[in-house]
Amino acid sequence: MAETSPGYAPNTIVVCVKWVATHVHIDPLSGVVAERSHDNQFSASDHAAVEVALRTARAWNDAGSPTQVVAVCVGPVDSEDELKVLIADGVDRAIRVEAATHYSATSQPTSRQIASLICAVIGEMTSGGQLLVVCGDVSADRGSGSVPAFIAHEIGCAQALGLVEVHEGDPGVLRAMRRLDGGRREELVIEAPAVISVEGAVAHLRRASLQTTIAARSATVELRNAREIGAAEPAIATSGLGDGMVMHPWRPRTRIVPAPVQPDALGRIVELTGAKSDRVPPRTVTLEPDEAARAILDQLAEWGYEWGQDSPI
C-alpha cells in the first residue's frame, strides 16, 4: 500500500489498538483452532482509548496547541478496514505494522515485541511537541495489560495505567482517576510525555455518519514492517492452547509440589495445604523501585511461580 507523509502537528497523541479474535472455534476431536475474520475486532477498551485520544486532541486544539491523533495497530492486513473506520471517527492517521508473515489468534508476537514495534513507529513522529500514548487497559485475548508499561519503559516517560476516568486539561496535561484495591481511588495529574491505559467503560467511541464512513473506505492506511522501521523481526509466541493461542488472561503455571506420604486422608490434606506448617509472618519493607520489583519476583519464585524468558507477558 502506498504511504503518505503528511505534515506533523507539534503535539502527537498515539492511540494503540489490537486486532483480536473475539470468537474462535476449536474442533473437539482434532483440537484445530479456527477463527472467522468477521469475528475479529478492536476491544471495548481500545475503542475507549480512541475516544479519549480524540477528546484530548480536540481540547488541546481548541486551546491553540495543534495536535494530531495517530492510530497504530500491530496486526494483519484484515485490520485495515477497521482502521479506516477509526479515520472516519476522527483519527488523523492510521498506521499498521506488519510484524510477521503470519499473524493470527494462534500465533502473534509477545507483548514486549509489540511494544518495541510501536515505539519504533513513535520514534518517527518525534517533533519536539507533547507526546501522549493512549492504550486500552487489557486486550480481549491475552489480557496481560503489559504493553503500555513496556512502551513507557522504552520511551522513558511516566505511566498511569488502569484509569477509570480521564479529563482533558491544558495542553500537555490530563486529570485522571485510577482504581486502587479496597474500593479506593487515586486522583492523578498527568503531564506529557506519558503513557496511559483506560478501561472500556471510560468512554464510548463516537460513530461517524454513513457518508463519512463510506468516504473513509478510500483512506490510506500507512504500512510499516519490522525491518523497515529498524526493529528486529519478532519471533512468534507459541504457548498454551492449540498452536500458541491464549484466549484468557495469562496466569503463572501450576505449582508442582511433592506427592503426600501420609497414610490417611486427613493427613494428606494437611500435608498438601500446609495447614499445620510453620509460616513466615507478614512483613513490611521499604525499598527503591528496582529493589522492590526484584523482591516481588524473588517472593513469587519462592512460592513456585516462574516465568520463562519466552513468556508472552
Protein backbone atom coordinates (compact mmCIF):
# COMPACT_ATOMS: atom_id res chain seq x y z
CA MET A 1 0.00 0.00 0.00
CA ALA A 2 1.27 3.47 -0.79
CA GLU A 3 2.44 5.55 2.13
CA THR A 4 1.77 9.18 2.85
CA SER A 5 3.96 11.73 4.56
CA PRO A 6 1.60 14.33 6.00
CA GLY A 7 2.84 17.32 7.95
CA TYR A 8 3.30 16.69 11.63
CA ALA A 9 1.42 18.68 14.24
CA PRO A 10 3.53 19.90 17.18
CA ASN A 11 1.68 17.55 19.55
CA THR A 12 1.01 13.87 18.86
CA ILE A 13 -1.41 11.50 20.56
CA VAL A 14 -0.68 7.89 19.64
CA VAL A 15 -3.54 5.50 20.30
CA CYS A 16 -2.64 1.80 20.25
CA VAL A 17 -5.26 -0.72 19.17
CA LYS A 18 -5.05 -4.50 18.91
CA TRP A 19 -6.81 -6.67 16.34
CA VAL A 20 -8.04 -9.77 18.15
CA ALA A 21 -10.29 -12.75 17.52
CA THR A 22 -13.29 -12.38 19.81
CA HIS A 23 -14.72 -15.79 18.90
CA VAL A 24 -12.92 -18.93 17.81
CA HIS A 25 -13.96 -22.49 17.14
CA ILE A 26 -11.99 -25.44 18.50
CA ASP A 27 -12.69 -28.78 16.88
CA PRO A 28 -13.50 -31.18 19.76
CA LEU A 29 -11.83 -34.11 18.01
CA SER A 30 -8.74 -32.67 16.33
CA GLY A 31 -8.19 -29.65 18.55
CA VAL A 32 -7.68 -27.47 15.47
CA VAL A 33 -8.32 -23.79 16.20
CA ALA A 34 -10.26 -21.89 13.56
CA GLU A 35 -11.14 -18.22 13.51
CA ARG A 36 -13.51 -16.23 11.34
CA SER A 37 -12.30 -12.88 10.06
CA HIS A 38 -15.66 -11.19 10.67
CA ASP A 39 -15.37 -12.02 14.38
CA ASN A 40 -12.09 -10.08 14.69
CA GLN A 41 -12.24 -6.55 16.01
CA PHE A 42 -10.81 -3.99 18.41
CA SER A 43 -11.84 -4.36 22.05
CA ALA A 44 -14.07 -2.06 24.07
CA SER A 45 -11.05 -0.70 25.96
CA ASP A 46 -9.33 0.08 22.64
CA HIS A 47 -12.42 1.97 21.48
CA ALA A 48 -12.40 3.88 24.77
CA ALA A 49 -8.73 4.73 24.20
CA VAL A 50 -9.55 6.13 20.75
CA GLU A 51 -12.35 8.28 22.15
CA VAL A 52 -10.11 9.60 24.94
CA ALA A 53 -7.45 10.46 22.36
CA LEU A 54 -9.97 12.29 20.14
CA ARG A 55 -11.42 14.27 23.06
CA THR A 56 -7.98 15.22 24.31
CA ALA A 57 -6.84 16.32 20.85
CA ARG A 58 -9.94 18.47 20.43
CA ALA A 59 -9.35 20.15 23.81
CA TRP A 60 -5.70 20.84 23.06
CA ASN A 61 -6.53 22.12 19.56
CA ASP A 62 -9.21 24.43 20.99
CA ALA A 63 -6.58 25.77 23.40
CA GLY A 64 -4.37 26.74 20.46
CA SER A 65 -1.97 23.80 20.61
CA PRO A 66 -2.24 21.83 17.29
CA THR A 67 -2.50 18.10 17.97
CA GLN A 68 -2.77 15.07 15.70
CA VAL A 69 -4.15 11.64 16.63
CA VAL A 70 -2.39 8.62 15.13
CA ALA A 71 -3.80 5.10 15.49
CA VAL A 72 -1.19 2.32 15.47
CA CYS A 73 -2.01 -1.37 15.12
CA VAL A 74 0.45 -4.25 15.05
CA GLY A 75 -1.63 -6.74 13.11
CA PRO A 76 -2.62 -8.38 9.84
CA VAL A 77 -3.96 -6.76 6.69
CA ASP A 78 -7.51 -7.65 7.76
CA SER A 79 -7.32 -4.91 10.40
CA GLU A 80 -7.07 -2.14 7.79
CA ASP A 81 -10.82 -1.92 7.21
CA GLU A 82 -11.41 -1.22 10.89
CA LEU A 83 -8.53 1.27 10.96
CA LYS A 84 -10.32 3.16 8.16
CA VAL A 85 -13.41 3.26 10.38
CA LEU A 86 -11.25 4.96 13.03
CA ILE A 87 -10.22 7.52 10.40
CA ALA A 88 -13.91 8.16 9.76
CA ASP A 89 -14.38 8.64 13.51
CA GLY A 90 -11.77 11.40 13.50
CA VAL A 91 -8.30 9.85 13.71
CA ASP A 92 -5.85 11.86 11.57
CA ARG A 93 -3.60 8.98 10.54
CA ALA A 94 -3.66 5.19 10.82
CA ILE A 95 -0.55 3.03 10.73
CA ARG A 96 -0.46 -0.74 10.50
CA VAL A 97 2.74 -2.52 11.46
CA GLU A 98 3.40 -5.83 9.73
CA ALA A 99 5.14 -7.82 12.45
CA ALA A 100 5.41 -11.19 10.76
CA THR A 101 4.40 -13.04 7.61
CA HIS A 102 1.78 -14.96 9.58
CA TYR A 103 -0.29 -13.34 12.31
CA SER A 104 -3.41 -14.87 13.79
CA ALA A 105 -5.13 -15.70 17.05
CA THR A 106 -2.89 -18.73 17.37
CA SER A 107 0.42 -17.00 16.61
CA GLN A 108 1.44 -13.48 17.46
CA PRO A 109 4.37 -11.50 18.87
CA THR A 110 4.83 -11.15 22.61
CA SER A 111 3.75 -8.01 24.45
CA ARG A 112 7.34 -6.82 24.71
CA GLN A 113 7.88 -7.26 20.98
CA ILE A 114 4.67 -5.43 20.14
CA ALA A 115 5.74 -2.54 22.39
CA SER A 116 9.12 -2.36 20.64
CA LEU A 117 7.45 -2.13 17.24
CA ILE A 118 5.10 0.60 18.43
CA CYS A 119 8.00 2.55 19.96
CA ALA A 120 9.85 2.37 16.65
CA VAL A 121 6.85 3.97 14.96
CA ILE A 122 6.60 6.58 17.72
CA GLY A 123 10.24 7.44 17.08
CA GLU A 124 9.29 8.57 13.57
CA MET A 125 6.85 11.12 14.98
CA THR A 126 9.18 12.96 17.34
CA SER A 127 8.66 16.64 16.55
CA GLY A 128 9.55 18.42 19.77
CA GLY A 129 5.93 18.78 20.90
CA GLN A 130 3.93 16.95 23.53
CA LEU A 131 3.61 13.17 23.22
CA LEU A 132 0.78 11.15 24.74
CA VAL A 133 0.28 7.40 24.20
CA VAL A 134 -3.20 6.03 24.96
CA CYS A 135 -3.94 2.29 25.18
CA GLY A 136 -6.74 0.03 26.32
CA ASP A 137 -6.08 -1.46 29.75
CA VAL A 138 -6.24 -5.12 28.60
CA SER A 139 -6.62 -6.90 25.30
CA ALA A 140 -9.53 -9.22 24.64
CA ASP A 141 -7.34 -12.28 24.14
CA ARG A 142 -4.16 -12.41 26.21
CA GLY A 143 -5.35 -9.89 28.76
CA SER A 144 -1.99 -9.19 30.44
CA GLY A 145 -2.26 -5.40 30.02
CA SER A 146 1.53 -5.16 29.88
CA VAL A 147 2.08 -3.43 26.51
CA PRO A 148 1.55 0.13 27.90
CA ALA A 149 4.13 -0.49 30.64
CA PHE A 150 6.66 -1.79 28.11
CA ILE A 151 6.07 1.29 25.92
CA ALA A 152 6.54 3.66 28.87
CA HIS A 153 9.78 1.89 29.76
CA GLU A 154 11.18 2.04 26.22
CA ILE A 155 10.43 5.72 25.62
CA GLY A 156 11.35 6.66 29.20
CA CYS A 157 8.24 8.50 30.34
CA ALA A 158 5.62 8.44 33.09
CA GLN A 159 2.83 5.86 33.03
CA ALA A 160 -0.67 5.84 34.50
CA LEU A 161 -2.39 2.52 33.92
CA GLY A 162 -5.89 1.21 34.55
CA LEU A 163 -7.62 4.61 34.56
CA VAL A 164 -11.36 4.74 35.23
CA GLU A 165 -11.81 8.46 34.48
CA VAL A 166 -9.90 10.83 32.19
CA HIS A 167 -10.50 14.58 31.89
CA GLU A 168 -8.77 16.92 29.47
CA GLY A 169 -6.76 19.79 30.89
CA ASP A 170 -4.43 22.39 29.47
CA PRO A 171 -2.28 21.28 26.51
CA GLY A 172 0.01 18.53 27.71
CA VAL A 173 -1.97 17.86 30.89
CA LEU A 174 -4.65 15.33 31.85
CA ARG A 175 -6.54 14.74 35.09
CA ALA A 176 -7.46 11.15 35.79
CA MET A 177 -8.76 8.70 38.36
CA ARG A 178 -7.15 5.31 38.92
CA ARG A 179 -8.70 2.32 40.62
CA LEU A 180 -6.93 1.02 43.74
CA ASP A 181 -7.51 -2.02 45.91
CA GLY A 182 -10.22 -1.96 48.54
CA GLY A 183 -12.58 0.26 46.56
CA ARG A 184 -10.25 3.24 46.81
CA ARG A 185 -9.44 5.74 44.05
CA GLU A 186 -6.36 7.81 43.29
CA GLU A 187 -6.55 11.21 41.62
CA LEU A 188 -3.73 11.93 39.18
CA VAL A 189 -2.41 14.91 37.28
CA ILE A 190 -0.61 13.53 34.22
CA GLU A 191 1.82 15.65 32.26
CA ALA A 192 3.08 14.68 28.82
CA PRO A 193 5.11 12.83 27.75
CA ALA A 194 3.19 9.97 29.28
CA VAL A 195 1.58 6.60 28.57
CA ILE A 196 -1.90 5.90 29.88
CA SER A 197 -4.27 2.94 29.65
CA VAL A 198 -8.02 3.17 30.14
CA GLU A 199 -10.80 0.76 31.00
CA GLY A 200 -13.53 0.11 28.46
CA ALA A 201 -16.16 1.99 30.48
CA VAL A 202 -14.20 5.25 30.46
CA ALA A 203 -15.71 6.40 27.15
CA HIS A 204 -17.83 5.17 24.26
CA LEU A 205 -16.38 5.68 20.81
CA ARG A 206 -18.36 8.10 18.68
CA ARG A 207 -19.95 6.84 15.48
CA ALA A 208 -19.25 8.62 12.22
CA SER A 209 -22.02 9.36 9.76
CA LEU A 210 -22.69 6.86 7.00
CA GLN A 211 -21.41 9.30 4.40
CA THR A 212 -18.14 9.81 6.29
CA THR A 213 -17.71 6.08 6.84
CA ILE A 214 -18.17 5.35 3.13
CA ALA A 215 -15.72 8.13 2.21
CA ALA A 216 -13.12 6.69 4.61
CA ARG A 217 -13.03 3.44 2.66
CA SER A 218 -10.67 5.15 0.23
CA ALA A 219 -8.43 6.47 3.01
CA THR A 220 -4.82 5.36 3.17
CA VAL A 221 -3.58 3.16 5.99
CA GLU A 222 0.18 3.63 6.22
CA LEU A 223 2.17 0.44 6.26
CA ARG A 224 5.33 -0.32 8.21
CA ASN A 225 7.17 -3.56 8.78
CA ALA A 226 9.71 -4.64 11.34
CA ARG A 227 12.70 -4.38 9.03
CA GLU A 228 11.64 -1.03 7.57
CA ILE A 229 11.43 0.71 10.92
CA GLY A 230 14.67 -0.78 12.18
CA ALA A 231 13.19 -3.22 14.67
CA ALA A 232 14.13 -6.88 14.79
CA GLU A 233 11.63 -9.25 13.20
CA PRO A 234 9.79 -10.61 16.25
CA ALA A 235 9.51 -14.28 16.88
CA ILE A 236 6.05 -15.74 17.19
CA ALA A 237 4.84 -16.61 20.67
CA THR A 238 3.68 -20.19 20.77
CA SER A 239 2.49 -21.47 24.11
CA GLY A 240 -0.64 -22.95 25.62
CA LEU A 241 -3.82 -23.91 23.78
CA GLY A 242 -3.60 -25.01 20.16
CA ASP A 243 -0.51 -23.61 18.42
CA GLY A 244 0.12 -20.91 20.99
CA MET A 245 -3.34 -19.49 21.44
CA VAL A 246 -4.05 -17.75 24.72
CA MET A 247 -7.74 -16.82 24.92
CA HIS A 248 -7.71 -15.84 28.61
CA PRO A 249 -5.63 -13.60 30.89
CA TRP A 250 -2.17 -15.08 31.33
CA ARG A 251 -1.56 -16.83 34.61
CA PRO A 252 1.57 -18.42 36.09
CA ARG A 253 1.93 -22.13 35.55
CA THR A 254 0.66 -24.51 38.22
CA ARG A 255 2.98 -25.07 41.13
CA ILE A 256 4.50 -28.54 41.40
CA VAL A 257 4.51 -29.98 44.93
CA PRO A 258 5.68 -33.40 46.19
CA ALA A 259 3.06 -36.12 46.48
CA PRO A 260 1.71 -36.54 50.03
CA VAL A 261 3.04 -39.50 52.00
CA GLN A 262 0.63 -39.61 54.95
CA PRO A 263 -1.41 -42.87 55.07
CA ASP A 264 -4.77 -41.29 55.97
CA ALA A 265 -6.88 -38.80 54.00
CA LEU A 266 -6.79 -36.08 56.68
CA GLY A 267 -3.04 -36.31 56.91
CA ARG A 268 -2.67 -35.98 53.15
CA ILE A 269 -4.93 -32.90 53.10
CA VAL A 270 -2.93 -31.29 55.91
CA GLU A 271 0.29 -32.07 54.09
CA LEU A 272 -0.92 -30.64 50.77
CA THR A 273 -2.39 -27.47 52.26
CA GLY A 274 0.40 -26.88 54.77
CA ALA A 275 -2.24 -26.07 57.38
CA LYS A 276 0.00 -27.03 60.32
CA SER A 277 3.31 -25.94 58.90
CA ASP A 278 5.30 -23.01 60.19
CA ARG A 279 4.52 -19.84 58.26
CA VAL A 280 6.64 -16.78 57.66
CA PRO A 281 4.82 -13.86 59.29
CA PRO A 282 3.87 -10.89 57.09
CA ARG A 283 6.47 -8.14 56.90
CA THR A 284 6.58 -4.60 55.61
CA VAL A 285 9.64 -3.43 53.71
CA THR A 286 10.51 -0.07 52.18
CA LEU A 287 12.66 -0.33 49.07
CA GLU A 288 13.62 1.63 46.00
CA PRO A 289 11.52 0.74 42.89
CA ASP A 290 14.17 -1.51 41.33
CA GLU A 291 14.79 -3.31 44.62
CA ALA A 292 11.05 -3.62 45.30
CA ALA A 293 10.45 -5.20 41.88
CA ARG A 294 13.24 -7.69 42.48
CA ALA A 295 11.88 -8.53 45.95
CA ILE A 296 8.44 -9.24 44.46
CA LEU A 297 9.90 -11.51 41.78
CA ASP A 298 12.03 -13.33 44.35
CA GLN A 299 8.99 -13.90 46.56
CA LEU A 300 6.94 -15.20 43.64
CA ALA A 301 9.78 -17.55 42.72
CA GLU A 302 9.89 -18.78 46.33
CA TRP A 303 6.18 -19.56 46.11
CA GLY A 304 6.77 -21.53 42.92
CA TYR A 305 5.62 -19.06 40.29
CA GLU A 306 8.14 -18.89 37.47
CA TRP A 307 8.12 -17.09 34.14
CA GLY A 308 10.41 -18.20 31.30
CA GLN A 309 12.29 -15.80 29.03
CA ASP A 310 9.88 -16.61 26.21
CA SER A 311 6.74 -15.92 28.22
CA PRO A 312 4.11 -13.93 26.25
CA ILE A 313 3.81 -11.42 29.08
